[in-house]
Amino acid sequence: MGFVVGYFLKKALKLLALVMGVLTAALLLLAYVGIITVNWDKLALLVERALFDAQAATASFQAWIVASMPFAGAFIAGAAIGFKYG
């Protein structure tokens, strides 16, 4: 199960990075051409909040893993292998 989670996580992060890059490039292009006006400060605040929420979710996940230690060892090893090959 850990392998599948690690593999999926790496693929999902790659896809997320690609989507964020395309959206950022599109915003930059549309702002440069003058079609839209982007409030960069508000966008940065929105991204900052999303990252903070992701960190909180990660801390929650880590607490769950530590609480179930025997399962956690095998899970983390499998996830690391899946992340490597993903």
N, C-alpha and C. Protein backbone atom coordinates (compact mmCIF):
# COMPACT_ATOMS: atom_id res chain seq x y z
N MET A 1 0.81 -1.18 0.00
CA MET A 1 0.00 0.00 0.00
C MET A 1 0.86 1.26 0.00
N GLY A 2 1.95 1.23 0.74
CA GLY A 2 2.84 2.38 0.79
C GLY A 2 3.44 2.71 -0.57
N PHE A 3 3.78 1.66 -1.33
CA PHE A 3 4.35 1.87 -2.66
C PHE A 3 3.37 2.63 -3.55
N VAL A 4 2.11 2.23 -3.50
CA VAL A 4 1.08 2.87 -4.33
C VAL A 4 0.90 4.33 -3.92
N VAL A 5 0.89 4.59 -2.63
CA VAL A 5 0.73 5.96 -2.14
C VAL A 5 1.91 6.82 -2.57
N GLY A 6 3.12 6.31 -2.41
CA GLY A 6 4.31 7.05 -2.82
C GLY A 6 4.33 7.33 -4.31
N TYR A 7 3.99 6.32 -5.09
CA TYR A 7 3.95 6.46 -6.55
C TYR A 7 2.92 7.52 -6.95
N PHE A 8 1.71 7.41 -6.39
CA PHE A 8 0.65 8.37 -6.70
C PHE A 8 1.04 9.77 -6.26
N LEU A 9 1.64 9.89 -5.07
CA LEU A 9 2.02 11.19 -4.56
C LEU A 9 3.00 11.90 -5.49
N LYS A 10 3.98 11.17 -5.99
CA LYS A 10 4.95 11.78 -6.88
C LYS A 10 4.29 12.22 -8.18
N LYS A 11 3.42 11.37 -8.74
CA LYS A 11 2.72 11.73 -9.98
C LYS A 11 1.81 12.94 -9.75
N ALA A 12 1.12 12.96 -8.62
CA ALA A 12 0.21 14.07 -8.33
C ALA A 12 0.98 15.37 -8.14
N LEU A 13 2.13 15.32 -7.48
CA LEU A 13 2.93 16.52 -7.29
C LEU A 13 3.48 17.04 -8.62
N LYS A 14 3.87 16.14 -9.51
CA LYS A 14 4.34 16.56 -10.84
C LYS A 14 3.21 17.25 -11.60
N LEU A 15 2.02 16.66 -11.55
CA LEU A 15 0.88 17.24 -12.25
C LEU A 15 0.52 18.60 -11.65
N LEU A 16 0.54 18.69 -10.33
CA LEU A 16 0.24 19.95 -9.66
C LEU A 16 1.25 21.03 -10.05
N ALA A 17 2.52 20.68 -10.10
CA ALA A 17 3.55 21.65 -10.50
C ALA A 17 3.32 22.11 -11.94
N LEU A 18 2.97 21.20 -12.81
CA LEU A 18 2.71 21.56 -14.20
C LEU A 18 1.51 22.49 -14.31
N VAL A 19 0.43 22.17 -13.64
CA VAL A 19 -0.78 23.00 -13.69
C VAL A 19 -0.49 24.39 -13.12
N MET A 20 0.20 24.45 -11.99
CA MET A 20 0.52 25.75 -11.39
C MET A 20 1.42 26.58 -12.31
N GLY A 21 2.36 25.95 -12.96
CA GLY A 21 3.23 26.65 -13.90
C GLY A 21 2.47 27.20 -15.09
N VAL A 22 1.57 26.40 -15.65
CA VAL A 22 0.77 26.84 -16.80
C VAL A 22 -0.15 27.99 -16.39
N LEU A 23 -0.79 27.87 -15.22
CA LEU A 23 -1.67 28.95 -14.76
C LEU A 23 -0.90 30.24 -14.51
N THR A 24 0.27 30.12 -13.91
CA THR A 24 1.08 31.31 -13.65
C THR A 24 1.52 31.96 -14.97
N ALA A 25 1.95 31.15 -15.91
CA ALA A 25 2.35 31.69 -17.22
C ALA A 25 1.17 32.35 -17.92
N ALA A 26 -0.01 31.75 -17.82
CA ALA A 26 -1.20 32.33 -18.44
C ALA A 26 -1.55 33.67 -17.80
N LEU A 27 -1.49 33.74 -16.48
CA LEU A 27 -1.76 35.00 -15.80
C LEU A 27 -0.75 36.07 -16.19
N LEU A 28 0.51 35.69 -16.24
CA LEU A 28 1.55 36.65 -16.63
C LEU A 28 1.32 37.15 -18.05
N LEU A 29 0.98 36.27 -18.96
CA LEU A 29 0.75 36.65 -20.34
C LEU A 29 -0.47 37.56 -20.47
N LEU A 30 -1.57 37.18 -19.83
CA LEU A 30 -2.77 38.00 -19.91
C LEU A 30 -2.58 39.36 -19.26
N ALA A 31 -1.82 39.42 -18.17
CA ALA A 31 -1.53 40.70 -17.52
C ALA A 31 -0.60 41.54 -18.39
N TYR A 32 0.35 40.92 -19.03
CA TYR A 32 1.30 41.64 -19.89
C TYR A 32 0.59 42.26 -21.10
N VAL A 33 -0.34 41.50 -21.69
CA VAL A 33 -1.07 41.97 -22.85
C VAL A 33 -2.08 43.05 -22.45
N GLY A 34 -2.50 43.05 -21.20
CA GLY A 34 -3.43 44.06 -20.72
C GLY A 34 -4.87 43.58 -20.70
N ILE A 35 -5.09 42.31 -20.86
CA ILE A 35 -6.45 41.78 -20.85
C ILE A 35 -7.00 41.74 -19.43
N ILE A 36 -6.15 41.41 -18.47
CA ILE A 36 -6.57 41.34 -17.07
C ILE A 36 -5.61 42.14 -16.20
N THR A 37 -6.07 42.46 -15.01
CA THR A 37 -5.22 43.06 -13.99
C THR A 37 -5.20 42.09 -12.82
N VAL A 38 -4.02 41.68 -12.42
CA VAL A 38 -3.88 40.69 -11.36
C VAL A 38 -3.46 41.38 -10.07
N ASN A 39 -4.20 41.11 -9.00
CA ASN A 39 -3.83 41.59 -7.68
C ASN A 39 -2.84 40.58 -7.10
N TRP A 40 -1.56 40.79 -7.35
CA TRP A 40 -0.52 39.83 -6.98
C TRP A 40 -0.42 39.65 -5.47
N ASP A 41 -0.66 40.72 -4.71
CA ASP A 41 -0.59 40.60 -3.25
C ASP A 41 -1.67 39.65 -2.72
N LYS A 42 -2.89 39.79 -3.25
CA LYS A 42 -3.97 38.91 -2.81
C LYS A 42 -3.72 37.48 -3.26
N LEU A 43 -3.19 37.30 -4.47
CA LEU A 43 -2.87 35.96 -4.96
C LEU A 43 -1.79 35.31 -4.10
N ALA A 44 -0.78 36.10 -3.72
CA ALA A 44 0.28 35.56 -2.85
C ALA A 44 -0.28 35.16 -1.49
N LEU A 45 -1.22 35.94 -0.96
CA LEU A 45 -1.84 35.60 0.31
C LEU A 45 -2.65 34.31 0.20
N LEU A 46 -3.35 34.14 -0.91
CA LEU A 46 -4.13 32.93 -1.14
C LEU A 46 -3.23 31.70 -1.21
N VAL A 47 -2.12 31.82 -1.92
CA VAL A 47 -1.18 30.70 -2.03
C VAL A 47 -0.55 30.40 -0.67
N GLU A 48 -0.23 31.45 0.07
CA GLU A 48 0.35 31.27 1.40
C GLU A 48 -0.60 30.52 2.32
N ARG A 49 -1.89 30.87 2.28
CA ARG A 49 -2.88 30.17 3.10
C ARG A 49 -3.00 28.71 2.69
N ALA A 50 -2.98 28.45 1.39
CA ALA A 50 -3.09 27.07 0.91
C ALA A 50 -1.88 26.25 1.38
N LEU A 51 -0.70 26.83 1.34
CA LEU A 51 0.50 26.13 1.82
C LEU A 51 0.42 25.88 3.32
N PHE A 52 -0.10 26.84 4.06
CA PHE A 52 -0.25 26.66 5.51
C PHE A 52 -1.22 25.51 5.81
N ASP A 53 -2.33 25.45 5.07
CA ASP A 53 -3.29 24.36 5.25
C ASP A 53 -2.67 23.01 4.90
N ALA A 54 -1.83 22.99 3.87
CA ALA A 54 -1.16 21.75 3.48
C ALA A 54 -0.18 21.31 4.57
N GLN A 55 0.51 22.27 5.18
CA GLN A 55 1.42 21.93 6.27
C GLN A 55 0.66 21.36 7.47
N ALA A 56 -0.50 21.93 7.76
CA ALA A 56 -1.31 21.43 8.87
C ALA A 56 -1.78 20.01 8.60
N ALA A 57 -2.17 19.74 7.36
CA ALA A 57 -2.60 18.39 6.99
C ALA A 57 -1.44 17.41 7.09
N THR A 58 -0.25 17.85 6.71
CA THR A 58 0.93 17.00 6.80
C THR A 58 1.25 16.67 8.26
N ALA A 59 1.13 17.65 9.12
CA ALA A 59 1.38 17.41 10.55
C ALA A 59 0.37 16.42 11.11
N SER A 60 -0.86 16.55 10.69
CA SER A 60 -1.90 15.62 11.13
C SER A 60 -1.60 14.20 10.65
N PHE A 61 -1.16 14.07 9.42
CA PHE A 61 -0.80 12.77 8.86
C PHE A 61 0.38 12.16 9.60
N GLN A 62 1.38 12.99 9.91
CA GLN A 62 2.54 12.51 10.65
C GLN A 62 2.14 12.01 12.04
N ALA A 63 1.23 12.71 12.69
CA ALA A 63 0.78 12.28 14.02
C ALA A 63 0.06 10.93 13.92
N TRP A 64 -0.70 10.73 12.87
CA TRP A 64 -1.39 9.45 12.69
C TRP A 64 -0.39 8.33 12.44
N ILE A 65 0.63 8.60 11.63
CA ILE A 65 1.66 7.59 11.34
C ILE A 65 2.40 7.19 12.62
N VAL A 66 2.76 8.18 13.43
CA VAL A 66 3.49 7.89 14.67
C VAL A 66 2.60 7.09 15.62
N ALA A 67 1.30 7.36 15.63
CA ALA A 67 0.39 6.64 16.51
C ALA A 67 0.26 5.17 16.13
N SER A 68 0.47 4.86 14.87
CA SER A 68 0.38 3.46 14.43
C SER A 68 1.75 3.00 13.92
N MET A 69 2.72 3.01 14.80
CA MET A 69 4.11 2.78 14.45
C MET A 69 4.41 1.46 13.73
N PRO A 70 3.88 0.32 14.14
CA PRO A 70 4.25 -0.91 13.43
C PRO A 70 3.87 -0.86 11.94
N PHE A 71 2.69 -0.35 11.68
CA PHE A 71 2.26 -0.21 10.29
C PHE A 71 3.06 0.87 9.59
N ALA A 72 3.45 1.90 10.34
CA ALA A 72 4.13 3.06 9.77
C ALA A 72 5.46 2.69 9.14
N GLY A 73 6.21 1.80 9.77
CA GLY A 73 7.52 1.45 9.23
C GLY A 73 7.43 0.86 7.83
N ALA A 74 6.56 -0.10 7.66
CA ALA A 74 6.39 -0.71 6.35
C ALA A 74 5.78 0.27 5.36
N PHE A 75 4.84 1.08 5.84
CA PHE A 75 4.19 2.04 4.96
C PHE A 75 5.18 3.07 4.44
N ILE A 76 5.99 3.62 5.33
CA ILE A 76 6.94 4.65 4.92
C ILE A 76 7.99 4.08 3.98
N ALA A 77 8.45 2.87 4.26
CA ALA A 77 9.42 2.24 3.36
C ALA A 77 8.81 2.03 1.97
N GLY A 78 7.59 1.54 1.92
CA GLY A 78 6.93 1.36 0.64
C GLY A 78 6.67 2.67 -0.06
N ALA A 79 6.26 3.70 0.69
CA ALA A 79 6.01 5.00 0.09
C ALA A 79 7.29 5.61 -0.48
N ALA A 80 8.41 5.42 0.22
CA ALA A 80 9.68 5.95 -0.29
C ALA A 80 10.07 5.25 -1.58
N ILE A 81 9.88 3.96 -1.64
CA ILE A 81 10.20 3.21 -2.87
C ILE A 81 9.27 3.65 -4.01
N GLY A 82 7.98 3.79 -3.70
CA GLY A 82 7.03 4.22 -4.72
C GLY A 82 7.33 5.63 -5.20
N PHE A 83 7.74 6.51 -4.28
CA PHE A 83 8.08 7.88 -4.67
C PHE A 83 9.31 7.90 -5.55
N LYS A 84 10.24 7.01 -5.24
CA LYS A 84 11.48 6.95 -6.05
C LYS A 84 11.17 6.50 -7.49
N TYR A 85 10.32 5.50 -7.64
CA TYR A 85 10.05 4.94 -8.97
C TYR A 85 8.90 5.66 -9.69
N GLY A 86 8.21 6.56 -9.02
CA GLY A 86 7.04 7.24 -9.61
C GLY A 86 7.37 8.27 -10.58
